[in-house]
Amino acid sequence: MPKSSDHKQLLHLVFGGELKELGGVEFKDLNQLDIVGIYPDYASAAAAWKAKAQQTVDNALMRYFVVHMHRLLDPETDTTHEG
């Protein structure tokens, strides 16, 4: 089994908040953004995103997002094997 240091970090940020309108991506109040966390890979970020999204399913304006931070830090990052 490979050590975690053998894998290239592909950092992902999970955050969300209440949107101003359905279908938009502008938040109602930036001071109320929920920063869920930063995760070492897409799979763990997706699990955190799913859990938060399910907790807020009754609020149609509440949205959570996964940001591929590694793409911002290193635009040359190969993400074809993100899984």
N, C-alpha and C. Protein backbone atom coordinates (compact mmCIF):
# COMPACT_ATOMS: atom_id res chain seq x y z
N MET A 1 0.85 -1.19 0.00
CA MET A 1 0.00 0.00 0.00
C MET A 1 0.88 1.24 0.00
N PRO A 2 0.65 2.18 -0.92
CA PRO A 2 1.48 3.38 -1.00
C PRO A 2 1.26 4.28 0.21
N LYS A 3 2.34 4.93 0.62
CA LYS A 3 2.25 5.90 1.70
C LYS A 3 1.56 7.15 1.17
N SER A 4 0.93 7.92 2.08
CA SER A 4 0.25 9.13 1.64
C SER A 4 1.21 10.11 1.00
N SER A 5 2.50 10.05 1.37
CA SER A 5 3.48 10.94 0.77
C SER A 5 3.79 10.54 -0.67
N ASP A 6 3.40 9.31 -1.07
CA ASP A 6 3.61 8.85 -2.43
C ASP A 6 2.59 9.44 -3.40
N HIS A 7 1.48 9.94 -2.88
CA HIS A 7 0.43 10.50 -3.71
C HIS A 7 0.59 12.01 -3.80
N LYS A 8 0.37 12.54 -4.98
CA LYS A 8 0.41 13.99 -5.15
C LYS A 8 -0.85 14.58 -4.51
N GLN A 9 -0.67 15.63 -3.73
CA GLN A 9 -1.82 16.28 -3.10
C GLN A 9 -2.68 16.96 -4.16
N LEU A 10 -3.96 16.70 -4.11
CA LEU A 10 -4.93 17.36 -4.98
C LEU A 10 -5.96 18.01 -4.06
N LEU A 11 -5.59 19.16 -3.50
CA LEU A 11 -6.43 19.81 -2.49
C LEU A 11 -7.75 20.30 -3.06
N HIS A 12 -8.81 20.11 -2.26
CA HIS A 12 -10.16 20.53 -2.62
C HIS A 12 -10.80 21.26 -1.45
N LEU A 13 -11.44 22.38 -1.72
CA LEU A 13 -12.15 23.16 -0.72
C LEU A 13 -13.64 22.92 -0.86
N VAL A 14 -14.31 22.67 0.25
CA VAL A 14 -15.77 22.52 0.25
C VAL A 14 -16.34 23.69 1.06
N PHE A 15 -17.24 24.43 0.43
CA PHE A 15 -17.88 25.56 1.10
C PHE A 15 -19.27 25.76 0.52
N GLY A 16 -20.06 26.56 1.22
CA GLY A 16 -21.40 26.83 0.72
C GLY A 16 -22.03 27.99 1.44
N GLY A 17 -23.25 28.27 1.03
CA GLY A 17 -24.01 29.35 1.63
C GLY A 17 -25.33 29.52 0.91
N GLU A 18 -26.09 30.46 1.39
CA GLU A 18 -27.40 30.73 0.80
C GLU A 18 -27.24 31.67 -0.40
N LEU A 19 -27.80 31.28 -1.51
CA LEU A 19 -27.72 32.08 -2.73
C LEU A 19 -28.79 33.17 -2.75
N LYS A 20 -28.54 34.22 -3.54
CA LYS A 20 -29.52 35.29 -3.68
C LYS A 20 -30.74 34.82 -4.47
N GLU A 21 -30.50 33.95 -5.46
CA GLU A 21 -31.61 33.45 -6.28
C GLU A 21 -31.28 32.07 -6.82
N LEU A 22 -32.33 31.32 -7.08
CA LEU A 22 -32.16 29.98 -7.65
C LEU A 22 -31.47 30.09 -9.00
N GLY A 23 -30.58 29.18 -9.28
CA GLY A 23 -29.89 29.17 -10.55
C GLY A 23 -28.69 30.10 -10.62
N GLY A 24 -28.51 30.93 -9.61
CA GLY A 24 -27.37 31.84 -9.58
C GLY A 24 -26.23 31.28 -8.78
N VAL A 25 -25.15 32.02 -8.73
CA VAL A 25 -24.01 31.62 -7.91
C VAL A 25 -23.52 32.80 -7.04
N GLU A 26 -24.40 33.78 -6.84
CA GLU A 26 -24.06 34.90 -5.97
C GLU A 26 -24.69 34.66 -4.60
N PHE A 27 -23.86 34.80 -3.57
CA PHE A 27 -24.32 34.50 -2.22
C PHE A 27 -25.05 35.68 -1.59
N LYS A 28 -26.05 35.36 -0.79
CA LYS A 28 -26.87 36.36 -0.11
C LYS A 28 -26.05 37.16 0.90
N ASP A 29 -25.19 36.47 1.68
CA ASP A 29 -24.41 37.13 2.72
C ASP A 29 -23.05 36.44 2.83
N LEU A 30 -22.00 37.10 2.34
CA LEU A 30 -20.67 36.50 2.37
C LEU A 30 -20.17 36.23 3.78
N ASN A 31 -20.67 36.97 4.75
CA ASN A 31 -20.27 36.75 6.14
C ASN A 31 -20.84 35.45 6.70
N GLN A 32 -21.82 34.89 6.02
CA GLN A 32 -22.45 33.65 6.49
C GLN A 32 -22.00 32.42 5.70
N LEU A 33 -20.95 32.54 4.89
CA LEU A 33 -20.46 31.38 4.16
C LEU A 33 -20.01 30.29 5.14
N ASP A 34 -20.31 29.07 4.79
CA ASP A 34 -19.93 27.91 5.59
C ASP A 34 -18.71 27.27 4.94
N ILE A 35 -17.53 27.46 5.55
CA ILE A 35 -16.31 26.83 5.05
C ILE A 35 -16.23 25.45 5.72
N VAL A 36 -16.55 24.43 4.97
CA VAL A 36 -16.60 23.07 5.51
C VAL A 36 -15.20 22.56 5.78
N GLY A 37 -14.29 22.74 4.81
CA GLY A 37 -12.92 22.29 5.02
C GLY A 37 -12.15 22.12 3.73
N ILE A 38 -10.88 21.78 3.90
CA ILE A 38 -9.99 21.49 2.78
C ILE A 38 -9.63 20.02 2.89
N TYR A 39 -9.71 19.32 1.76
CA TYR A 39 -9.54 17.87 1.73
C TYR A 39 -8.42 17.48 0.78
N PRO A 40 -7.74 16.37 1.05
CA PRO A 40 -6.56 15.98 0.27
C PRO A 40 -6.87 15.36 -1.09
N ASP A 41 -8.13 15.03 -1.33
CA ASP A 41 -8.49 14.40 -2.60
C ASP A 41 -9.97 14.65 -2.88
N TYR A 42 -10.35 14.39 -4.13
CA TYR A 42 -11.73 14.66 -4.54
C TYR A 42 -12.73 13.76 -3.81
N ALA A 43 -12.38 12.52 -3.58
CA ALA A 43 -13.32 11.58 -2.95
C ALA A 43 -13.73 12.05 -1.57
N SER A 44 -12.78 12.48 -0.75
CA SER A 44 -13.16 12.95 0.59
C SER A 44 -13.88 14.28 0.52
N ALA A 45 -13.54 15.13 -0.42
CA ALA A 45 -14.26 16.40 -0.59
C ALA A 45 -15.70 16.13 -1.02
N ALA A 46 -15.88 15.20 -1.94
CA ALA A 46 -17.23 14.87 -2.41
C ALA A 46 -18.09 14.31 -1.28
N ALA A 47 -17.49 13.51 -0.41
CA ALA A 47 -18.23 12.96 0.73
C ALA A 47 -18.67 14.08 1.67
N ALA A 48 -17.79 15.04 1.93
CA ALA A 48 -18.13 16.18 2.80
C ALA A 48 -19.20 17.04 2.14
N TRP A 49 -19.06 17.28 0.84
CA TRP A 49 -20.06 18.06 0.09
C TRP A 49 -21.43 17.40 0.19
N LYS A 50 -21.48 16.10 -0.04
CA LYS A 50 -22.74 15.37 -0.02
C LYS A 50 -23.41 15.45 1.35
N ALA A 51 -22.62 15.29 2.40
CA ALA A 51 -23.17 15.35 3.76
C ALA A 51 -23.76 16.72 4.04
N LYS A 52 -23.06 17.79 3.68
CA LYS A 52 -23.57 19.14 3.91
C LYS A 52 -24.79 19.42 3.04
N ALA A 53 -24.76 19.00 1.81
CA ALA A 53 -25.90 19.22 0.91
C ALA A 53 -27.14 18.52 1.45
N GLN A 54 -26.98 17.32 1.98
CA GLN A 54 -28.12 16.58 2.52
C GLN A 54 -28.66 17.24 3.79
N GLN A 55 -27.81 17.87 4.58
CA GLN A 55 -28.24 18.55 5.80
C GLN A 55 -29.10 19.77 5.49
N THR A 56 -28.91 20.35 4.32
CA THR A 56 -29.59 21.61 3.98
C THR A 56 -30.60 21.43 2.84
N VAL A 57 -31.04 20.22 2.62
CA VAL A 57 -31.92 19.91 1.49
C VAL A 57 -33.25 20.67 1.56
N ASP A 58 -33.68 21.06 2.75
CA ASP A 58 -34.96 21.78 2.88
C ASP A 58 -34.88 23.25 2.48
N ASN A 59 -33.68 23.78 2.29
CA ASN A 59 -33.50 25.17 1.87
C ASN A 59 -33.04 25.18 0.42
N ALA A 60 -33.95 25.52 -0.49
CA ALA A 60 -33.66 25.47 -1.92
C ALA A 60 -32.56 26.44 -2.33
N LEU A 61 -32.33 27.48 -1.54
CA LEU A 61 -31.31 28.48 -1.88
C LEU A 61 -29.92 28.13 -1.33
N MET A 62 -29.84 27.12 -0.51
CA MET A 62 -28.56 26.73 0.08
C MET A 62 -27.80 25.84 -0.89
N ARG A 63 -26.55 26.20 -1.17
CA ARG A 63 -25.74 25.41 -2.10
C ARG A 63 -24.34 25.24 -1.55
N TYR A 64 -23.79 24.06 -1.79
CA TYR A 64 -22.41 23.76 -1.43
C TYR A 64 -21.63 23.44 -2.71
N PHE A 65 -20.36 23.78 -2.68
CA PHE A 65 -19.51 23.63 -3.85
C PHE A 65 -18.20 22.96 -3.47
N VAL A 66 -17.60 22.28 -4.46
CA VAL A 66 -16.25 21.73 -4.32
C VAL A 66 -15.37 22.53 -5.27
N VAL A 67 -14.34 23.16 -4.72
CA VAL A 67 -13.38 23.93 -5.52
C VAL A 67 -12.10 23.12 -5.63
N HIS A 68 -11.63 22.93 -6.83
CA HIS A 68 -10.39 22.20 -7.08
C HIS A 68 -9.21 23.15 -6.85
N MET A 69 -8.80 23.27 -5.60
CA MET A 69 -7.74 24.21 -5.24
C MET A 69 -6.43 23.90 -5.96
N HIS A 70 -6.16 22.63 -6.18
CA HIS A 70 -4.91 22.25 -6.84
C HIS A 70 -4.83 22.83 -8.24
N ARG A 71 -5.96 23.04 -8.89
CA ARG A 71 -5.96 23.65 -10.23
C ARG A 71 -5.60 25.13 -10.16
N LEU A 72 -5.96 25.77 -9.06
CA LEU A 72 -5.60 27.18 -8.87
C LEU A 72 -4.12 27.31 -8.50
N LEU A 73 -3.63 26.40 -7.68
CA LEU A 73 -2.25 26.44 -7.23
C LEU A 73 -1.28 26.02 -8.32
N ASP A 74 -1.69 25.05 -9.12
CA ASP A 74 -0.84 24.51 -10.19
C ASP A 74 -1.71 24.19 -11.41
N PRO A 75 -1.93 25.18 -12.28
CA PRO A 75 -2.82 24.97 -13.44
C PRO A 75 -2.39 23.82 -14.36
N GLU A 76 -1.15 23.39 -14.26
CA GLU A 76 -0.67 22.30 -15.09
C GLU A 76 -0.99 20.93 -14.52
N THR A 77 -1.63 20.88 -13.33
CA THR A 77 -1.94 19.62 -12.67
C THR A 77 -2.80 18.73 -13.57
N ASP A 78 -2.40 17.50 -13.69
CA ASP A 78 -3.17 16.52 -14.46
C ASP A 78 -4.28 15.98 -13.55
N THR A 79 -5.53 16.24 -13.90
CA THR A 79 -6.65 15.79 -13.08
C THR A 79 -7.44 14.70 -13.75
N THR A 80 -6.89 14.08 -14.77
CA THR A 80 -7.65 13.04 -15.47
C THR A 80 -7.84 11.79 -14.63
N HIS A 81 -7.05 11.63 -13.57
CA HIS A 81 -7.15 10.43 -12.75
C HIS A 81 -7.59 10.78 -11.33
N GLU A 82 -8.50 11.74 -11.22
CA GLU A 82 -8.91 12.24 -9.90
C GLU A 82 -9.74 11.25 -9.12
N GLY A 83 -10.61 10.53 -9.74
CA GLY A 83 -11.41 9.51 -9.14
C GLY A 83 -12.01 9.77 -7.89
